[in-house]
Amino acid sequence: VVFDGKQKHIAMAFEPPRALKSGLYLCDNRFHTEALEELYEDDNKYGFVVVSGTGVLYGLLNGKSREVLHKFDVELPKKHGRGGQSA
């Protein structure tokens, strides 16, 4: 940043709105902020529920990231009935 005709160096730290899912390390002459820009593009949240024969899971989708809020494991009775043939 140039201030009063002199170049000043400014260090800024901020926390992104969501966790980054990828890492990028480049030795280059500029800062690569594309991954951070993607975090600010889509701010819609969607809920999801997954139901199976052994449990239930629900969570949130936000852009490309997903967060599992809770998971339940259940034991359901088997479909096999008891008993045998009757005459």
C-alpha atoms as a PDB file:
ATOM      1  CA  VAL A   1       0.000   0.000   0.000  1.00  0.00           C
ATOM      2  CA  VAL A   2       1.292   3.465  -0.844  1.00  0.00           C
ATOM      3  CA  PHE A   3       0.560   6.100   1.812  1.00  0.00           C
ATOM      4  CA  ASP A   4       1.866   9.690   1.595  1.00  0.00           C
ATOM      5  CA  GLY A   5       4.172   8.672  -1.235  1.00  0.00           C
ATOM      6  CA  LYS A   6       5.794   5.922   0.848  1.00  0.00           C
ATOM      7  CA  GLN A   7       5.282   2.217   0.511  1.00  0.00           C
ATOM      8  CA  LYS A   8       3.849   0.607   3.640  1.00  0.00           C
ATOM      9  CA  HIS A   9       3.556  -3.112   4.331  1.00  0.00           C
ATOM     10  CA  ILE A  10       0.333  -4.229   5.964  1.00  0.00           C
ATOM     11  CA  ALA A  11      -0.274  -7.640   7.520  1.00  0.00           C
ATOM     12  CA  MET A  12      -3.883  -8.737   7.815  1.00  0.00           C
ATOM     13  CA  ALA A  13      -5.280 -11.907   9.359  1.00  0.00           C
ATOM     14  CA  PHE A  14      -8.854 -13.090   8.977  1.00  0.00           C
ATOM     15  CA  GLU A  15     -10.818 -16.265   9.502  1.00  0.00           C
ATOM     16  CA  PRO A  16     -12.741 -17.602   6.489  1.00  0.00           C
ATOM     17  CA  PRO A  17     -16.486 -18.254   6.944  1.00  0.00           C
ATOM     18  CA  ARG A  18     -15.995 -22.012   6.425  1.00  0.00           C
ATOM     19  CA  ALA A  19     -13.026 -24.358   6.633  1.00  0.00           C
ATOM     20  CA  LEU A  20     -10.926 -24.783   3.496  1.00  0.00           C
ATOM     21  CA  LYS A  21     -11.037 -28.321   2.101  1.00  0.00           C
ATOM     22  CA  SER A  22      -7.877 -28.025  -0.007  1.00  0.00           C
ATOM     23  CA  GLY A  23      -4.376 -26.749   0.473  1.00  0.00           C
ATOM     24  CA  LEU A  24      -2.368 -24.798  -2.060  1.00  0.00           C
ATOM     25  CA  TYR A  25       1.314 -23.952  -1.867  1.00  0.00           C
ATOM     26  CA  LEU A  26       2.875 -22.052  -4.744  1.00  0.00           C
ATOM     27  CA  CYS A  27       6.063 -20.025  -4.945  1.00  0.00           C
ATOM     28  CA  ASP A  28       4.788 -17.197  -7.092  1.00  0.00           C
ATOM     29  CA  ASN A  29       4.835 -13.431  -7.400  1.00  0.00           C
ATOM     30  CA  ARG A  30       1.203 -12.976  -6.269  1.00  0.00           C
ATOM     31  CA  PHE A  31      -1.254 -14.231  -3.662  1.00  0.00           C
ATOM     32  CA  HIS A  32      -3.629 -16.919  -4.886  1.00  0.00           C
ATOM     33  CA  THR A  33      -7.047 -16.204  -3.373  1.00  0.00           C
ATOM     34  CA  GLU A  34      -9.254 -18.303  -5.669  1.00  0.00           C
ATOM     35  CA  ALA A  35     -10.010 -20.889  -2.959  1.00  0.00           C
ATOM     36  CA  LEU A  36     -11.060 -18.113  -0.562  1.00  0.00           C
ATOM     37  CA  GLU A  37     -13.236 -16.444  -3.201  1.00  0.00           C
ATOM     38  CA  GLU A  38     -15.187 -19.695  -3.652  1.00  0.00           C
ATOM     39  CA  LEU A  39     -16.124 -19.613   0.041  1.00  0.00           C
ATOM     40  CA  TYR A  40     -17.911 -16.288  -0.425  1.00  0.00           C
ATOM     41  CA  GLU A  41     -19.732 -17.143  -3.673  1.00  0.00           C
ATOM     42  CA  ASP A  42     -22.462 -19.456  -2.340  1.00  0.00           C
ATOM     43  CA  ASP A  43     -23.888 -18.760   1.103  1.00  0.00           C
ATOM     44  CA  ASN A  44     -26.988 -20.979   0.858  1.00  0.00           C
ATOM     45  CA  LYS A  45     -27.310 -23.745   3.434  1.00  0.00           C
ATOM     46  CA  TYR A  46     -29.201 -26.955   2.795  1.00  0.00           C
ATOM     47  CA  GLY A  47     -30.105 -29.685   5.255  1.00  0.00           C
ATOM     48  CA  PHE A  48     -29.807 -33.353   4.376  1.00  0.00           C
ATOM     49  CA  VAL A  49     -31.006 -36.601   5.934  1.00  0.00           C
ATOM     50  CA  VAL A  50     -29.669 -40.066   5.090  1.00  0.00           C
ATOM     51  CA  VAL A  51     -31.775 -43.011   6.254  1.00  0.00           C
ATOM     52  CA  SER A  52     -30.657 -46.631   6.014  1.00  0.00           C
ATOM     53  CA  GLY A  53     -31.555 -49.907   7.670  1.00  0.00           C
ATOM     54  CA  THR A  54     -28.863 -49.408  10.308  1.00  0.00           C
ATOM     55  CA  GLY A  55     -29.224 -45.741  11.186  1.00  0.00           C
ATOM     56  CA  VAL A  56     -29.955 -42.112  10.416  1.00  0.00           C
ATOM     57  CA  LEU A  57     -27.571 -39.240   9.713  1.00  0.00           C
ATOM     58  CA  TYR A  58     -28.394 -35.552   9.280  1.00  0.00           C
ATOM     59  CA  GLY A  59     -26.301 -32.515   8.513  1.00  0.00           C
ATOM     60  CA  LEU A  60     -25.781 -29.308   6.530  1.00  0.00           C
ATOM     61  CA  LEU A  61     -24.458 -28.569   3.036  1.00  0.00           C
ATOM     62  CA  ASN A  62     -22.895 -25.171   2.470  1.00  0.00           C
ATOM     63  CA  GLY A  63     -21.256 -24.685  -0.927  1.00  0.00           C
ATOM     64  CA  LYS A  64     -18.798 -27.558  -1.364  1.00  0.00           C
ATOM     65  CA  SER A  65     -18.493 -28.338   2.330  1.00  0.00           C
ATOM     66  CA  ARG A  66     -20.682 -30.646   4.389  1.00  0.00           C
ATOM     67  CA  GLU A  67     -21.050 -30.911   8.133  1.00  0.00           C
ATOM     68  CA  VAL A  68     -22.552 -33.928   9.884  1.00  0.00           C
ATOM     69  CA  LEU A  69     -24.607 -32.700  12.823  1.00  0.00           C
ATOM     70  CA  HIS A  70     -25.677 -36.023  14.321  1.00  0.00           C
ATOM     71  CA  LYS A  71     -25.704 -39.744  13.591  1.00  0.00           C
ATOM     72  CA  PHE A  72     -28.010 -42.349  15.121  1.00  0.00           C
ATOM     73  CA  ASP A  73     -27.386 -46.094  14.999  1.00  0.00           C
ATOM     74  CA  VAL A  74     -30.425 -48.325  15.385  1.00  0.00           C
ATOM     75  CA  GLU A  75     -31.019 -52.048  15.682  1.00  0.00           C
ATOM     76  CA  LEU A  76     -34.177 -53.048  13.877  1.00  0.00           C
ATOM     77  CA  PRO A  77     -35.684 -56.508  14.155  1.00  0.00           C
ATOM     78  CA  LYS A  78     -34.929 -58.853  11.272  1.00  0.00           C
ATOM     79  CA  LYS A  79     -37.604 -59.688   8.733  1.00  0.00           C
ATOM     80  CA  HIS A  80     -37.326 -63.387   9.476  1.00  0.00           C
ATOM     81  CA  GLY A  81     -40.408 -64.561  11.375  1.00  0.00           C
ATOM     82  CA  ARG A  82     -40.277 -67.097  14.153  1.00  0.00           C
ATOM     83  CA  GLY A  83     -41.956 -70.446  14.003  1.00  0.00           C
ATOM     84  CA  GLY A  84     -42.324 -73.075  11.373  1.00  0.00           C
ATOM     85  CA  GLN A  85     -45.006 -74.791   9.359  1.00  0.00           C
ATOM     86  CA  SER A  86     -48.321 -75.676  10.885  1.00  0.00           C
ATOM     87  CA  ALA A  87     -50.451 -78.619   9.894  1.00  0.00           C
END
